[in-house]
């Protein structure tokens, strides 16, 4: 593969449009570009999480997820292109179930936090939920493959469960929400 980004600025977006992978020009504030930005933000937040010194298996999973997020971005950047498959969704479900099996049943809401890694994972989950909302909004305007919608939905679930796992790592714990426990 040659140099794909030999020149970073092109000046073609100065008037408020950007190019999709097929050459189509679209507004920078359009729904599709909003989803791409939210996916990029999710991927970047996972990068911050990766900088927290995670166990090797979790690190490998998250790097794989980062690649899948780029694939999803590619799918959305090239209308009609398919990159996310049922097997990607099944893999996320498998990893989610494996992590969840290690946890006690959730009987109360938990507060985001626990330790630095868990807190960053909760932020990644929130950003992922925003990306999911943006993708759903796009799907109401344009065709979006159901695999893409399922993948981003499972990813936010995976990040929630992973945050619980990370909060409990090294003897840590989760903070349960208590109704009415706030300063007044």
N, C-alpha and C. Protein backbone atom coordinates (compact mmCIF):
# COMPACT_ATOMS: atom_id res chain seq x y z
N UNK A 1 0.85 -1.17 0.00
CA UNK A 1 0.00 0.00 0.00
C UNK A 1 0.89 1.23 0.00
N UNK A 2 0.59 2.16 -0.84
CA UNK A 2 1.38 3.39 -0.95
C UNK A 2 1.05 4.38 0.16
N UNK A 3 1.54 5.57 0.02
CA UNK A 3 1.25 6.62 0.99
C UNK A 3 -0.18 7.11 0.78
N UNK A 4 -1.04 6.79 1.72
CA UNK A 4 -2.44 7.17 1.60
C UNK A 4 -2.65 8.62 2.02
N UNK A 5 -1.84 9.09 2.96
CA UNK A 5 -1.99 10.46 3.46
C UNK A 5 -0.68 11.21 3.26
N UNK A 6 -0.32 11.40 2.03
CA UNK A 6 0.93 12.09 1.77
C UNK A 6 0.81 13.59 2.05
N UNK A 7 -0.39 14.12 1.98
CA UNK A 7 -0.63 15.53 2.29
C UNK A 7 -1.84 15.60 3.21
N UNK A 8 -1.66 16.16 4.38
CA UNK A 8 -2.72 16.16 5.38
C UNK A 8 -3.80 17.19 5.06
N UNK A 9 -3.44 18.36 4.64
CA UNK A 9 -4.47 19.35 4.31
C UNK A 9 -4.62 19.43 2.80
N UNK A 10 -5.87 19.58 2.38
CA UNK A 10 -6.17 19.64 0.95
C UNK A 10 -6.89 20.93 0.58
N UNK A 11 -7.41 21.63 1.56
CA UNK A 11 -8.20 22.85 1.39
C UNK A 11 -9.58 22.59 0.78
N UNK A 12 -9.90 21.33 0.48
CA UNK A 12 -11.19 21.04 -0.14
C UNK A 12 -12.34 21.14 0.86
N UNK A 13 -12.04 21.13 2.15
CA UNK A 13 -13.09 21.22 3.16
C UNK A 13 -13.29 22.59 3.73
N UNK A 14 -12.58 23.56 3.22
CA UNK A 14 -12.66 24.91 3.77
C UNK A 14 -14.06 25.52 3.68
N UNK A 15 -14.87 25.07 2.75
CA UNK A 15 -16.21 25.62 2.58
C UNK A 15 -17.27 24.83 3.34
N UNK A 16 -16.84 23.87 4.20
CA UNK A 16 -17.79 23.15 5.04
C UNK A 16 -18.25 21.81 4.52
N UNK A 17 -17.57 21.27 3.53
CA UNK A 17 -17.92 19.93 3.05
C UNK A 17 -16.68 19.04 3.18
N UNK A 18 -16.93 17.75 3.15
CA UNK A 18 -15.84 16.78 3.22
C UNK A 18 -16.16 15.65 2.26
N UNK A 19 -15.16 14.89 1.91
CA UNK A 19 -15.35 13.81 0.95
C UNK A 19 -15.49 12.46 1.63
N UNK A 20 -16.45 11.66 1.16
CA UNK A 20 -16.56 10.28 1.58
C UNK A 20 -15.57 9.45 0.77
N UNK A 21 -15.44 8.20 1.13
CA UNK A 21 -14.48 7.33 0.46
C UNK A 21 -14.76 7.12 -1.02
N UNK A 22 -16.01 7.31 -1.42
CA UNK A 22 -16.36 7.14 -2.84
C UNK A 22 -16.25 8.44 -3.62
N UNK A 23 -15.77 9.51 -2.95
CA UNK A 23 -15.61 10.80 -3.62
C UNK A 23 -16.79 11.74 -3.46
N UNK A 24 -17.91 11.25 -2.97
CA UNK A 24 -19.08 12.09 -2.74
C UNK A 24 -18.75 13.17 -1.71
N UNK A 25 -19.16 14.40 -1.98
CA UNK A 25 -18.98 15.51 -1.04
C UNK A 25 -20.24 15.62 -0.19
N UNK A 26 -20.05 15.73 1.11
CA UNK A 26 -21.17 15.86 2.04
C UNK A 26 -20.85 16.97 3.03
N UNK A 27 -21.89 17.56 3.63
CA UNK A 27 -21.64 18.61 4.63
C UNK A 27 -20.91 18.05 5.86
N UNK A 28 -19.99 18.83 6.39
CA UNK A 28 -19.25 18.40 7.57
C UNK A 28 -20.14 18.25 8.79
N UNK A 29 -21.29 18.92 8.80
CA UNK A 29 -22.20 18.81 9.93
C UNK A 29 -23.35 17.83 9.64
N UNK A 30 -23.20 17.02 8.62
CA UNK A 30 -24.21 16.01 8.29
C UNK A 30 -24.19 14.84 9.26
N UNK A 31 -25.28 14.09 9.25
CA UNK A 31 -25.44 12.97 10.18
C UNK A 31 -24.34 11.92 10.01
N UNK A 32 -23.98 11.59 8.79
CA UNK A 32 -22.96 10.56 8.55
C UNK A 32 -21.61 10.99 9.13
N UNK A 33 -21.25 12.25 8.93
CA UNK A 33 -19.98 12.74 9.45
C UNK A 33 -20.02 12.81 10.97
N UNK A 34 -21.19 13.13 11.52
CA UNK A 34 -21.36 13.11 12.97
C UNK A 34 -21.11 11.72 13.55
N UNK A 35 -21.61 10.69 12.89
CA UNK A 35 -21.37 9.32 13.34
C UNK A 35 -19.88 9.00 13.25
N UNK A 36 -19.26 9.36 12.14
CA UNK A 36 -17.83 9.08 11.98
C UNK A 36 -17.02 9.75 13.08
N UNK A 37 -17.39 10.98 13.43
CA UNK A 37 -16.70 11.67 14.52
C UNK A 37 -16.92 10.98 15.85
N UNK A 38 -18.13 10.54 16.11
CA UNK A 38 -18.43 9.85 17.37
C UNK A 38 -17.70 8.51 17.45
N UNK A 39 -17.57 7.82 16.32
CA UNK A 39 -16.81 6.57 16.31
C UNK A 39 -15.32 6.84 16.56
N UNK A 40 -14.82 7.92 15.97
CA UNK A 40 -13.42 8.30 16.19
C UNK A 40 -13.19 8.65 17.65
N UNK A 41 -14.15 9.36 18.24
CA UNK A 41 -14.03 9.72 19.66
C UNK A 41 -14.08 8.46 20.54
N UNK A 42 -14.94 7.51 20.20
CA UNK A 42 -14.99 6.24 20.93
C UNK A 42 -13.65 5.52 20.84
N UNK A 43 -13.11 5.45 19.64
CA UNK A 43 -11.83 4.78 19.43
C UNK A 43 -10.72 5.49 20.19
N UNK A 44 -10.74 6.81 20.19
CA UNK A 44 -9.73 7.57 20.93
C UNK A 44 -9.84 7.34 22.43
N UNK A 45 -11.07 7.27 22.93
CA UNK A 45 -11.25 7.02 24.36
C UNK A 45 -10.78 5.61 24.73
N UNK A 46 -10.99 4.66 23.84
CA UNK A 46 -10.45 3.31 24.08
C UNK A 46 -8.92 3.37 24.10
N UNK A 47 -8.33 4.23 23.26
CA UNK A 47 -6.88 4.43 23.30
C UNK A 47 -6.41 4.95 24.64
N UNK A 48 -7.17 5.88 25.23
CA UNK A 48 -6.84 6.38 26.57
C UNK A 48 -6.94 5.24 27.58
N UNK A 49 -7.97 4.42 27.46
CA UNK A 49 -8.12 3.26 28.34
C UNK A 49 -6.93 2.31 28.19
N UNK A 50 -6.49 2.10 26.97
CA UNK A 50 -5.35 1.20 26.73
C UNK A 50 -4.08 1.71 27.39
N UNK A 51 -3.98 2.99 27.63
CA UNK A 51 -2.78 3.57 28.25
C UNK A 51 -2.77 3.36 29.77
N UNK A 52 -3.76 2.67 30.30
CA UNK A 52 -3.88 2.50 31.74
C UNK A 52 -3.16 1.26 32.28
N UNK A 53 -2.48 0.51 31.45
CA UNK A 53 -1.79 -0.68 31.93
C UNK A 53 -2.76 -1.80 32.25
N UNK A 54 -3.38 -2.36 31.25
CA UNK A 54 -4.41 -3.38 31.40
C UNK A 54 -3.84 -4.78 31.26
N UNK A 55 -4.55 -5.78 31.77
CA UNK A 55 -4.14 -7.17 31.56
C UNK A 55 -4.05 -7.49 30.07
N UNK A 56 -3.16 -8.40 29.71
CA UNK A 56 -2.90 -8.72 28.30
C UNK A 56 -4.11 -9.13 27.50
N UNK A 57 -5.00 -9.95 28.08
CA UNK A 57 -6.17 -10.38 27.33
C UNK A 57 -7.10 -9.22 27.04
N UNK A 58 -7.27 -8.34 28.00
CA UNK A 58 -8.12 -7.15 27.81
C UNK A 58 -7.49 -6.22 26.78
N UNK A 59 -6.20 -6.05 26.87
CA UNK A 59 -5.48 -5.20 25.92
C UNK A 59 -5.70 -5.72 24.50
N UNK A 60 -5.55 -7.02 24.31
CA UNK A 60 -5.74 -7.60 22.96
C UNK A 60 -7.17 -7.40 22.47
N UNK A 61 -8.13 -7.58 23.36
CA UNK A 61 -9.53 -7.40 22.98
C UNK A 61 -9.78 -5.95 22.53
N UNK A 62 -9.27 -5.01 23.30
CA UNK A 62 -9.52 -3.60 23.00
C UNK A 62 -8.83 -3.17 21.71
N UNK A 63 -7.64 -3.68 21.45
CA UNK A 63 -6.97 -3.36 20.18
C UNK A 63 -7.78 -3.93 19.02
N UNK A 64 -8.29 -5.14 19.19
CA UNK A 64 -9.14 -5.73 18.15
C UNK A 64 -10.39 -4.88 17.92
N UNK A 65 -10.96 -4.38 19.01
CA UNK A 65 -12.14 -3.51 18.91
C UNK A 65 -11.78 -2.21 18.19
N UNK A 66 -10.60 -1.67 18.47
CA UNK A 66 -10.20 -0.46 17.76
C UNK A 66 -10.14 -0.69 16.25
N UNK A 67 -9.62 -1.85 15.85
CA UNK A 67 -9.58 -2.17 14.42
C UNK A 67 -11.00 -2.30 13.86
N UNK A 68 -11.89 -2.93 14.62
CA UNK A 68 -13.28 -3.07 14.17
C UNK A 68 -13.97 -1.71 14.05
N UNK A 69 -13.66 -0.80 14.97
CA UNK A 69 -14.23 0.55 14.86
C UNK A 69 -13.75 1.26 13.60
N UNK A 70 -12.48 1.05 13.23
CA UNK A 70 -12.01 1.62 11.97
C UNK A 70 -12.74 0.98 10.80
N UNK A 71 -12.97 -0.34 10.88
CA UNK A 71 -13.72 -1.02 9.83
C UNK A 71 -15.14 -0.45 9.72
N UNK A 72 -15.77 -0.22 10.88
CA UNK A 72 -17.12 0.35 10.88
C UNK A 72 -17.09 1.75 10.27
N UNK A 73 -16.09 2.53 10.60
CA UNK A 73 -15.95 3.85 9.99
C UNK A 73 -15.79 3.74 8.48
N UNK A 74 -15.02 2.75 8.04
CA UNK A 74 -14.86 2.53 6.60
C UNK A 74 -16.18 2.16 5.94
N UNK A 75 -16.96 1.35 6.63
CA UNK A 75 -18.27 0.97 6.11
C UNK A 75 -19.15 2.21 5.93
N UNK A 76 -19.10 3.10 6.89
CA UNK A 76 -19.94 4.30 6.81
C UNK A 76 -19.38 5.35 5.86
N UNK A 77 -18.09 5.29 5.62
CA UNK A 77 -17.45 6.25 4.72
C UNK A 77 -17.64 5.86 3.25
N UNK A 78 -17.93 4.59 3.03
CA UNK A 78 -18.17 4.09 1.67
C UNK A 78 -19.60 3.55 1.59
N UNK A 79 -20.57 4.37 1.30
CA UNK A 79 -21.95 3.88 1.24
C UNK A 79 -22.06 2.63 0.38
N UNK A 80 -22.74 1.62 0.94
CA UNK A 80 -22.88 0.35 0.24
C UNK A 80 -21.82 -0.67 0.59
N UNK A 81 -20.76 -0.24 1.29
CA UNK A 81 -19.69 -1.15 1.68
C UNK A 81 -20.08 -1.89 2.96
N UNK A 82 -19.73 -3.16 3.05
CA UNK A 82 -20.00 -3.95 4.25
C UNK A 82 -18.67 -4.37 4.88
N UNK A 83 -18.48 -4.02 6.15
CA UNK A 83 -17.24 -4.41 6.85
C UNK A 83 -17.53 -5.15 8.15
N UNK A 84 -18.57 -4.74 8.87
CA UNK A 84 -18.93 -5.39 10.13
C UNK A 84 -19.88 -6.53 9.82
N UNK A 85 -19.56 -7.69 10.34
CA UNK A 85 -20.34 -8.89 10.06
C UNK A 85 -20.96 -9.45 11.34
N UNK A 86 -21.84 -10.40 11.18
CA UNK A 86 -22.45 -11.07 12.33
C UNK A 86 -21.38 -11.67 13.24
N UNK A 87 -20.29 -12.14 12.66
CA UNK A 87 -19.22 -12.75 13.46
C UNK A 87 -18.57 -11.72 14.39
N UNK A 88 -18.53 -10.46 13.99
CA UNK A 88 -17.99 -9.40 14.85
C UNK A 88 -18.90 -9.20 16.06
N UNK A 89 -20.20 -9.22 15.82
CA UNK A 89 -21.17 -9.08 16.90
C UNK A 89 -21.09 -10.29 17.83
N UNK A 90 -21.00 -11.48 17.25
CA UNK A 90 -20.91 -12.72 18.05
C UNK A 90 -19.65 -12.72 18.90
N UNK A 91 -18.54 -12.24 18.36
CA UNK A 91 -17.29 -12.20 19.13
C UNK A 91 -17.44 -11.27 20.34
N UNK A 92 -18.05 -10.10 20.12
CA UNK A 92 -18.28 -9.18 21.24
C UNK A 92 -19.18 -9.82 22.29
N UNK A 93 -20.22 -10.51 21.86
CA UNK A 93 -21.12 -11.18 22.81
C UNK A 93 -20.38 -12.25 23.59
N UNK A 94 -19.52 -12.99 22.91
CA UNK A 94 -18.73 -14.04 23.57
C UNK A 94 -17.81 -13.43 24.64
N UNK A 95 -17.10 -12.37 24.29
CA UNK A 95 -16.19 -11.73 25.25
C UNK A 95 -16.99 -11.09 26.39
N UNK A 96 -18.11 -10.46 26.06
CA UNK A 96 -18.97 -9.86 27.07
C UNK A 96 -19.44 -10.92 28.06
N UNK A 97 -19.93 -12.04 27.55
CA UNK A 97 -20.41 -13.13 28.42
C UNK A 97 -19.28 -13.69 29.28
N UNK A 98 -18.09 -13.82 28.71
CA UNK A 98 -16.95 -14.35 29.48
C UNK A 98 -16.59 -13.41 30.64
N UNK A 99 -16.55 -12.12 30.38
CA UNK A 99 -16.25 -11.16 31.45
C UNK A 99 -17.38 -11.12 32.48
N UNK A 100 -18.60 -11.14 32.01
CA UNK A 100 -19.75 -11.05 32.91
C UNK A 100 -19.84 -12.27 33.83
N UNK A 101 -19.37 -13.42 33.37
CA UNK A 101 -19.40 -14.64 34.18
C UNK A 101 -18.54 -14.50 35.44
N UNK A 102 -17.55 -13.62 35.40
CA UNK A 102 -16.65 -13.40 36.54
C UNK A 102 -17.28 -12.49 37.60
N UNK A 103 -18.38 -11.86 37.28
CA UNK A 103 -18.94 -10.81 38.15
C UNK A 103 -20.14 -11.31 38.94
N UNK A 104 -20.34 -10.73 40.11
CA UNK A 104 -21.58 -11.04 40.82
C UNK A 104 -22.75 -10.39 40.09
N UNK A 105 -23.94 -10.95 40.26
CA UNK A 105 -25.11 -10.34 39.61
C UNK A 105 -25.26 -8.88 40.05
N UNK A 106 -25.71 -8.07 39.14
CA UNK A 106 -25.89 -6.65 39.42
C UNK A 106 -27.30 -6.44 39.96
N UNK A 107 -27.37 -6.06 41.23
CA UNK A 107 -28.67 -5.85 41.87
C UNK A 107 -28.98 -4.38 42.08
N UNK A 108 -27.98 -3.54 41.94
CA UNK A 108 -28.13 -2.10 42.12
C UNK A 108 -27.40 -1.40 40.97
N UNK A 109 -27.72 -0.14 40.77
CA UNK A 109 -26.95 0.66 39.83
C UNK A 109 -25.59 0.92 40.44
N UNK A 110 -24.58 1.08 39.59
CA UNK A 110 -23.25 1.41 40.09
C UNK A 110 -22.88 2.80 39.61
N UNK A 111 -22.06 3.47 40.40
CA UNK A 111 -21.57 4.78 40.02
C UNK A 111 -20.31 4.60 39.18
N UNK A 112 -20.15 5.37 38.11
CA UNK A 112 -18.92 5.28 37.32
C UNK A 112 -17.71 5.60 38.18
N UNK A 113 -16.65 4.85 38.01
CA UNK A 113 -15.42 5.07 38.76
C UNK A 113 -14.82 3.75 39.18
N UNK A 114 -14.24 3.72 40.36
CA UNK A 114 -13.63 2.50 40.88
C UNK A 114 -12.13 2.63 40.94
N UNK A 115 -11.51 2.84 39.82
CA UNK A 115 -10.09 3.13 39.68
C UNK A 115 -9.91 3.81 38.33
N UNK A 116 -8.69 4.19 38.00
CA UNK A 116 -8.48 4.96 36.77
C UNK A 116 -8.92 4.18 35.53
N UNK A 117 -8.56 2.91 35.46
CA UNK A 117 -8.92 2.12 34.28
C UNK A 117 -10.44 1.98 34.16
N UNK A 118 -11.12 1.67 35.26
CA UNK A 118 -12.57 1.52 35.23
C UNK A 118 -13.24 2.85 34.86
N UNK A 119 -12.74 3.95 35.43
CA UNK A 119 -13.32 5.26 35.12
C UNK A 119 -13.17 5.59 33.64
N UNK A 120 -12.00 5.32 33.07
CA UNK A 120 -11.80 5.57 31.64
C UNK A 120 -12.70 4.67 30.80
N UNK A 121 -12.91 3.45 31.27
CA UNK A 121 -13.79 2.53 30.55
C UNK A 121 -15.23 3.03 30.58
N UNK A 122 -15.65 3.59 31.70
CA UNK A 122 -17.00 4.16 31.77
C UNK A 122 -17.14 5.34 30.80
N UNK A 123 -16.11 6.17 30.70
CA UNK A 123 -16.17 7.28 29.75
C UNK A 123 -16.26 6.73 28.32
N UNK A 124 -15.47 5.71 28.02
CA UNK A 124 -15.53 5.09 26.68
C UNK A 124 -16.94 4.56 26.42
N UNK A 125 -17.56 3.97 27.43
CA UNK A 125 -18.93 3.46 27.29
C UNK A 125 -19.90 4.59 26.98
N UNK A 126 -19.78 5.70 27.68
CA UNK A 126 -20.68 6.84 27.44
C UNK A 126 -20.49 7.41 26.03
N UNK A 127 -19.26 7.53 25.61
CA UNK A 127 -18.98 8.04 24.26
C UNK A 127 -19.52 7.06 23.22
N UNK A 128 -19.38 5.77 23.49
CA UNK A 128 -19.91 4.75 22.59
C UNK A 128 -21.42 4.83 22.49
N UNK A 129 -22.10 5.08 23.61
CA UNK A 129 -23.56 5.24 23.58
C UNK A 129 -23.95 6.44 22.71
N UNK A 130 -23.17 7.51 22.80
CA UNK A 130 -23.44 8.67 21.95
C UNK A 130 -23.26 8.31 20.48
N UNK A 131 -22.23 7.53 20.18
CA UNK A 131 -22.02 7.08 18.80
C UNK A 131 -23.19 6.22 18.35
N UNK A 132 -23.68 5.38 19.24
CA UNK A 132 -24.83 4.54 18.91
C UNK A 132 -26.06 5.41 18.60
N UNK A 133 -26.30 6.41 19.42
CA UNK A 133 -27.44 7.32 19.17
C UNK A 133 -27.30 8.00 17.82
N UNK A 134 -26.10 8.43 17.50
CA UNK A 134 -25.85 9.10 16.21
C UNK A 134 -26.07 8.12 15.06
N UNK A 135 -25.66 6.86 15.25
CA UNK A 135 -25.84 5.86 14.19
C UNK A 135 -27.33 5.54 14.00
N UNK A 136 -28.06 5.44 15.09
CA UNK A 136 -29.50 5.22 14.99
C UNK A 136 -30.16 6.39 14.26
N UNK A 137 -29.77 7.61 14.60
CA UNK A 137 -30.33 8.79 13.92
C UNK A 137 -30.02 8.73 12.42
N UNK A 138 -28.80 8.36 12.07
CA UNK A 138 -28.46 8.22 10.65
C UNK A 138 -29.32 7.15 9.98
N UNK A 139 -29.56 6.05 10.70
CA UNK A 139 -30.34 4.95 10.12
C UNK A 139 -31.79 5.35 9.83
N UNK A 140 -32.26 6.42 10.46
CA UNK A 140 -33.61 6.92 10.18
C UNK A 140 -33.65 7.76 8.90
N UNK A 141 -32.44 8.19 8.45
CA UNK A 141 -32.34 9.01 7.25
C UNK A 141 -31.81 8.23 6.05
N UNK A 142 -30.91 7.30 6.32
CA UNK A 142 -30.23 6.56 5.27
C UNK A 142 -30.11 5.09 5.67
N UNK A 143 -29.77 4.27 4.73
CA UNK A 143 -29.62 2.84 5.01
C UNK A 143 -28.36 2.58 5.83
N UNK A 144 -28.54 1.89 6.95
CA UNK A 144 -27.43 1.44 7.79
C UNK A 144 -27.64 -0.05 8.02
N UNK A 145 -26.61 -0.83 7.83
CA UNK A 145 -26.73 -2.28 7.98
C UNK A 145 -27.01 -2.66 9.44
N UNK A 146 -27.88 -3.64 9.66
CA UNK A 146 -28.21 -4.04 11.03
C UNK A 146 -27.00 -4.54 11.81
N UNK A 147 -26.01 -5.10 11.13
CA UNK A 147 -24.79 -5.56 11.81
C UNK A 147 -24.05 -4.40 12.44
N UNK A 148 -24.05 -3.26 11.77
CA UNK A 148 -23.38 -2.07 12.32
C UNK A 148 -24.09 -1.60 13.58
N UNK A 149 -25.41 -1.56 13.54
CA UNK A 149 -26.18 -1.14 14.70
C UNK A 149 -26.00 -2.12 15.86
N UNK A 150 -26.02 -3.42 15.57
CA UNK A 150 -25.84 -4.42 16.63
C UNK A 150 -24.44 -4.33 17.22
N UNK A 151 -23.43 -4.13 16.39
CA UNK A 151 -22.06 -4.07 16.88
C UNK A 151 -21.87 -2.92 17.86
N UNK A 152 -22.33 -1.73 17.51
CA UNK A 152 -22.10 -0.58 18.38
C UNK A 152 -22.92 -0.71 19.66
N UNK A 153 -24.09 -1.35 19.58
CA UNK A 153 -24.88 -1.60 20.78
C UNK A 153 -24.17 -2.59 21.71
N UNK A 154 -23.66 -3.68 21.16
CA UNK A 154 -22.93 -4.65 21.98
C UNK A 154 -21.65 -4.07 22.55
N UNK A 155 -21.02 -3.17 21.78
CA UNK A 155 -19.78 -2.58 22.27
C UNK A 155 -20.02 -1.77 23.53
N UNK A 156 -21.09 -1.01 23.59
CA UNK A 156 -21.35 -0.24 24.81
C UNK A 156 -21.65 -1.19 25.97
N UNK A 157 -22.35 -2.29 25.71
CA UNK A 157 -22.58 -3.29 26.76
C UNK A 157 -21.27 -3.91 27.23
N UNK A 158 -20.41 -4.25 26.27
CA UNK A 158 -19.10 -4.81 26.58
C UNK A 158 -18.30 -3.85 27.47
N UNK A 159 -18.29 -2.58 27.12
CA UNK A 159 -17.53 -1.60 27.89
C UNK A 159 -18.09 -1.44 29.30
N UNK A 160 -19.40 -1.57 29.46
CA UNK A 160 -19.99 -1.52 30.80
C UNK A 160 -19.50 -2.69 31.64
N UNK A 161 -19.57 -3.88 31.09
CA UNK A 161 -19.12 -5.07 31.83
C UNK A 161 -17.63 -5.00 32.09
N UNK A 162 -16.86 -4.56 31.10
CA UNK A 162 -15.42 -4.44 31.30
C UNK A 162 -15.09 -3.43 32.39
N UNK A 163 -15.83 -2.34 32.46
CA UNK A 163 -15.62 -1.36 33.53
C UNK A 163 -15.84 -2.01 34.90
N UNK A 164 -16.84 -2.86 35.00
CA UNK A 164 -17.08 -3.58 36.26
C UNK A 164 -15.91 -4.50 36.59
N UNK A 165 -15.41 -5.20 35.59
CA UNK A 165 -14.26 -6.10 35.80
C UNK A 165 -13.05 -5.29 36.25
N UNK A 166 -12.78 -4.20 35.57
CA UNK A 166 -11.61 -3.39 35.90
C UNK A 166 -11.73 -2.74 37.28
N UNK A 167 -12.93 -2.36 37.67
CA UNK A 167 -13.13 -1.76 39.00
C UNK A 167 -12.79 -2.76 40.11
N UNK A 168 -13.01 -4.03 39.84
CA UNK A 168 -12.77 -5.07 40.83
C UNK A 168 -11.36 -5.64 40.76
N UNK A 169 -10.58 -5.23 39.78
CA UNK A 169 -9.22 -5.74 39.63
C UNK A 169 -8.37 -5.37 40.85
N UNK A 170 -7.46 -6.23 41.18
CA UNK A 170 -6.53 -5.99 42.30
C UNK A 170 -7.24 -5.68 43.61
N UNK A 171 -8.35 -6.34 43.85
CA UNK A 171 -9.06 -6.18 45.12
C UNK A 171 -9.93 -4.94 45.20
N UNK A 172 -10.10 -4.22 44.10
CA UNK A 172 -10.93 -3.02 44.11
C UNK A 172 -12.41 -3.37 44.17
N UNK A 173 -13.24 -2.36 44.15
CA UNK A 173 -14.68 -2.59 44.23
C UNK A 173 -15.43 -1.53 43.44
N UNK A 174 -16.70 -1.78 43.31
CA UNK A 174 -17.60 -0.84 42.67
C UNK A 174 -18.35 -0.07 43.75
N UNK A 175 -18.75 1.14 43.42
CA UNK A 175 -19.56 1.94 44.35
C UNK A 175 -21.00 1.85 43.89
N UNK A 176 -21.85 1.33 44.76
CA UNK A 176 -23.26 1.20 44.44
C UNK A 176 -23.98 2.51 44.68
N UNK A 177 -24.90 2.82 43.79
CA UNK A 177 -25.73 4.00 43.95
C UNK A 177 -26.69 3.76 45.11
N UNK A 178 -26.84 4.79 45.93
CA UNK A 178 -27.78 4.72 47.06
C UNK A 178 -28.74 5.89 46.92
N UNK A 179 -30.00 5.56 46.75
CA UNK A 179 -31.02 6.59 46.58
C UNK A 179 -31.02 7.53 47.78
N UNK A 180 -30.99 8.82 47.50
CA UNK A 180 -31.07 9.82 48.57
C UNK A 180 -29.76 10.13 49.24
N UNK A 181 -28.68 9.48 48.85
CA UNK A 181 -27.40 9.73 49.49
C UNK A 181 -26.66 10.83 48.71
N UNK A 182 -26.97 12.05 49.05
CA UNK A 182 -26.32 13.18 48.41
C UNK A 182 -26.35 14.35 49.39
N UNK A 183 -25.45 15.27 49.20
CA UNK A 183 -25.40 16.44 50.07
C UNK A 183 -26.61 17.31 49.81
N UNK A 184 -27.14 17.85 50.83
CA UNK A 184 -28.31 18.72 50.69
C UNK A 184 -28.07 20.00 51.43
